[in-house]
Amino acid sequence: MNRQLTAIIEREGNEYVSLCPEMDVASQGDTIDEARRNLCEALELFFEMASHEEVKERLHNEVYVTNVEVAVG
């Protein structure tokens, strides 16, 4: 079974950090593609090892990625 999840990837120094907010799982890589692949691997390992109860407890079903505008200084 496949599941669509969100991947947020941002540059931190010389690396890219990837985060899946639905499961609160993160990884990293030297490139965007590597960070994405490593996140997929981390998620697959999590789903292999976690109990059904842990998955259910950690899963955030509604995650919204949007922009906001704020006043600065």
C-alpha atoms as a PDB file:
ATOM      1  CA  MET A   1       0.000   0.000   0.000  1.00  0.00           C
ATOM      2  CA  ASN A   2       1.307   3.458  -0.854  1.00  0.00           C
ATOM      3  CA  ARG A   3       0.466   6.678   0.961  1.00  0.00           C
ATOM      4  CA  GLN A   4       0.987  10.276  -0.176  1.00  0.00           C
ATOM      5  CA  LEU A   5       2.849  12.314   2.440  1.00  0.00           C
ATOM      6  CA  THR A   6       4.266  15.830   2.526  1.00  0.00           C
ATOM      7  CA  ALA A   7       8.014  16.461   2.202  1.00  0.00           C
ATOM      8  CA  ILE A   8       9.406  19.846   3.209  1.00  0.00           C
ATOM      9  CA  ILE A   9      13.009  20.339   2.153  1.00  0.00           C
ATOM     10  CA  GLU A  10      15.154  23.298   3.100  1.00  0.00           C
ATOM     11  CA  ARG A  11      18.807  24.153   2.761  1.00  0.00           C
ATOM     12  CA  GLU A  12      20.839  24.283   5.967  1.00  0.00           C
ATOM     13  CA  GLY A  13      24.434  25.248   5.318  1.00  0.00           C
ATOM     14  CA  ASN A  14      25.887  22.812   2.790  1.00  0.00           C
ATOM     15  CA  GLU A  15      23.106  20.220   3.237  1.00  0.00           C
ATOM     16  CA  TYR A  16      19.392  19.862   2.722  1.00  0.00           C
ATOM     17  CA  VAL A  17      17.087  18.813   5.540  1.00  0.00           C
ATOM     18  CA  SER A  18      13.870  17.004   4.695  1.00  0.00           C
ATOM     19  CA  LEU A  19      10.847  16.701   6.976  1.00  0.00           C
ATOM     20  CA  CYS A  20       7.587  14.808   6.768  1.00  0.00           C
ATOM     21  CA  PRO A  21       5.257  16.790   9.054  1.00  0.00           C
ATOM     22  CA  GLU A  22       2.496  14.148   9.006  1.00  0.00           C
ATOM     23  CA  MET A  23       4.759  11.621  10.735  1.00  0.00           C
ATOM     24  CA  ASP A  24       7.338  13.969  12.299  1.00  0.00           C
ATOM     25  CA  VAL A  25      10.165  12.087  10.554  1.00  0.00           C
ATOM     26  CA  ALA A  26      13.222  13.901   9.200  1.00  0.00           C
ATOM     27  CA  SER A  27      16.353  13.149   7.207  1.00  0.00           C
ATOM     28  CA  GLN A  28      19.005  15.005   5.220  1.00  0.00           C
ATOM     29  CA  GLY A  29      21.239  14.846   2.170  1.00  0.00           C
ATOM     30  CA  ASP A  30      23.827  16.717   0.159  1.00  0.00           C
ATOM     31  CA  THR A  31      21.297  17.481  -2.615  1.00  0.00           C
ATOM     32  CA  ILE A  32      17.542  17.988  -2.761  1.00  0.00           C
ATOM     33  CA  ASP A  33      17.109  14.614  -4.466  1.00  0.00           C
ATOM     34  CA  GLU A  34      19.265  12.853  -1.894  1.00  0.00           C
ATOM     35  CA  ALA A  35      17.366  14.490   0.984  1.00  0.00           C
ATOM     36  CA  ARG A  36      14.073  13.389  -0.606  1.00  0.00           C
ATOM     37  CA  ARG A  37      15.284   9.806  -1.160  1.00  0.00           C
ATOM     38  CA  ASN A  38      16.676   9.616   2.382  1.00  0.00           C
ATOM     39  CA  LEU A  39      13.362  10.855   3.781  1.00  0.00           C
ATOM     40  CA  CYS A  40      11.504   8.171   1.826  1.00  0.00           C
ATOM     41  CA  GLU A  41      13.878   5.549   3.209  1.00  0.00           C
ATOM     42  CA  ALA A  42      13.457   6.867   6.773  1.00  0.00           C
ATOM     43  CA  LEU A  43       9.671   6.784   6.400  1.00  0.00           C
ATOM     44  CA  GLU A  44       9.703   3.258   4.988  1.00  0.00           C
ATOM     45  CA  LEU A  45      11.863   2.099   7.903  1.00  0.00           C
ATOM     46  CA  PHE A  46       9.549   3.841  10.362  1.00  0.00           C
ATOM     47  CA  PHE A  47       6.477   2.118   8.895  1.00  0.00           C
ATOM     48  CA  GLU A  48       8.288  -1.259   8.970  1.00  0.00           C
ATOM     49  CA  MET A  49       9.280  -0.924  12.623  1.00  0.00           C
ATOM     50  CA  ALA A  50       6.431   1.036  14.223  1.00  0.00           C
ATOM     51  CA  SER A  51       3.382  -0.632  15.658  1.00  0.00           C
ATOM     52  CA  HIS A  52      -0.034   0.213  14.261  1.00  0.00           C
ATOM     53  CA  GLU A  53      -0.741   2.128  17.467  1.00  0.00           C
ATOM     54  CA  GLU A  54       2.406   4.244  17.143  1.00  0.00           C
ATOM     55  CA  VAL A  55       1.623   5.110  13.531  1.00  0.00           C
ATOM     56  CA  LYS A  56      -1.925   6.052  14.497  1.00  0.00           C
ATOM     57  CA  GLU A  57      -0.685   8.155  17.443  1.00  0.00           C
ATOM     58  CA  ARG A  58       1.938  10.082  15.420  1.00  0.00           C
ATOM     59  CA  LEU A  59      -0.053  10.596  12.216  1.00  0.00           C
ATOM     60  CA  HIS A  60      -1.269  14.137  11.616  1.00  0.00           C
ATOM     61  CA  ASN A  61      -4.001  13.758   8.989  1.00  0.00           C
ATOM     62  CA  GLU A  62      -4.388  17.430   8.178  1.00  0.00           C
ATOM     63  CA  VAL A  63      -1.190  19.237   7.244  1.00  0.00           C
ATOM     64  CA  TYR A  64      -1.342  22.441   5.244  1.00  0.00           C
ATOM     65  CA  VAL A  65       1.639  24.078   3.573  1.00  0.00           C
ATOM     66  CA  THR A  66       1.000  27.711   2.701  1.00  0.00           C
ATOM     67  CA  ASN A  67       2.572  31.162   2.730  1.00  0.00           C
ATOM     68  CA  VAL A  68       1.872  33.866   5.264  1.00  0.00           C
ATOM     69  CA  GLU A  69       2.663  37.567   5.163  1.00  0.00           C
ATOM     70  CA  VAL A  70       3.923  39.281   8.301  1.00  0.00           C
ATOM     71  CA  ALA A  71       5.147  42.756   9.097  1.00  0.00           C
ATOM     72  CA  VAL A  72       8.895  42.891   9.690  1.00  0.00           C
ATOM     73  CA  GLY A  73      10.642  45.588  11.691  1.00  0.00           C
END
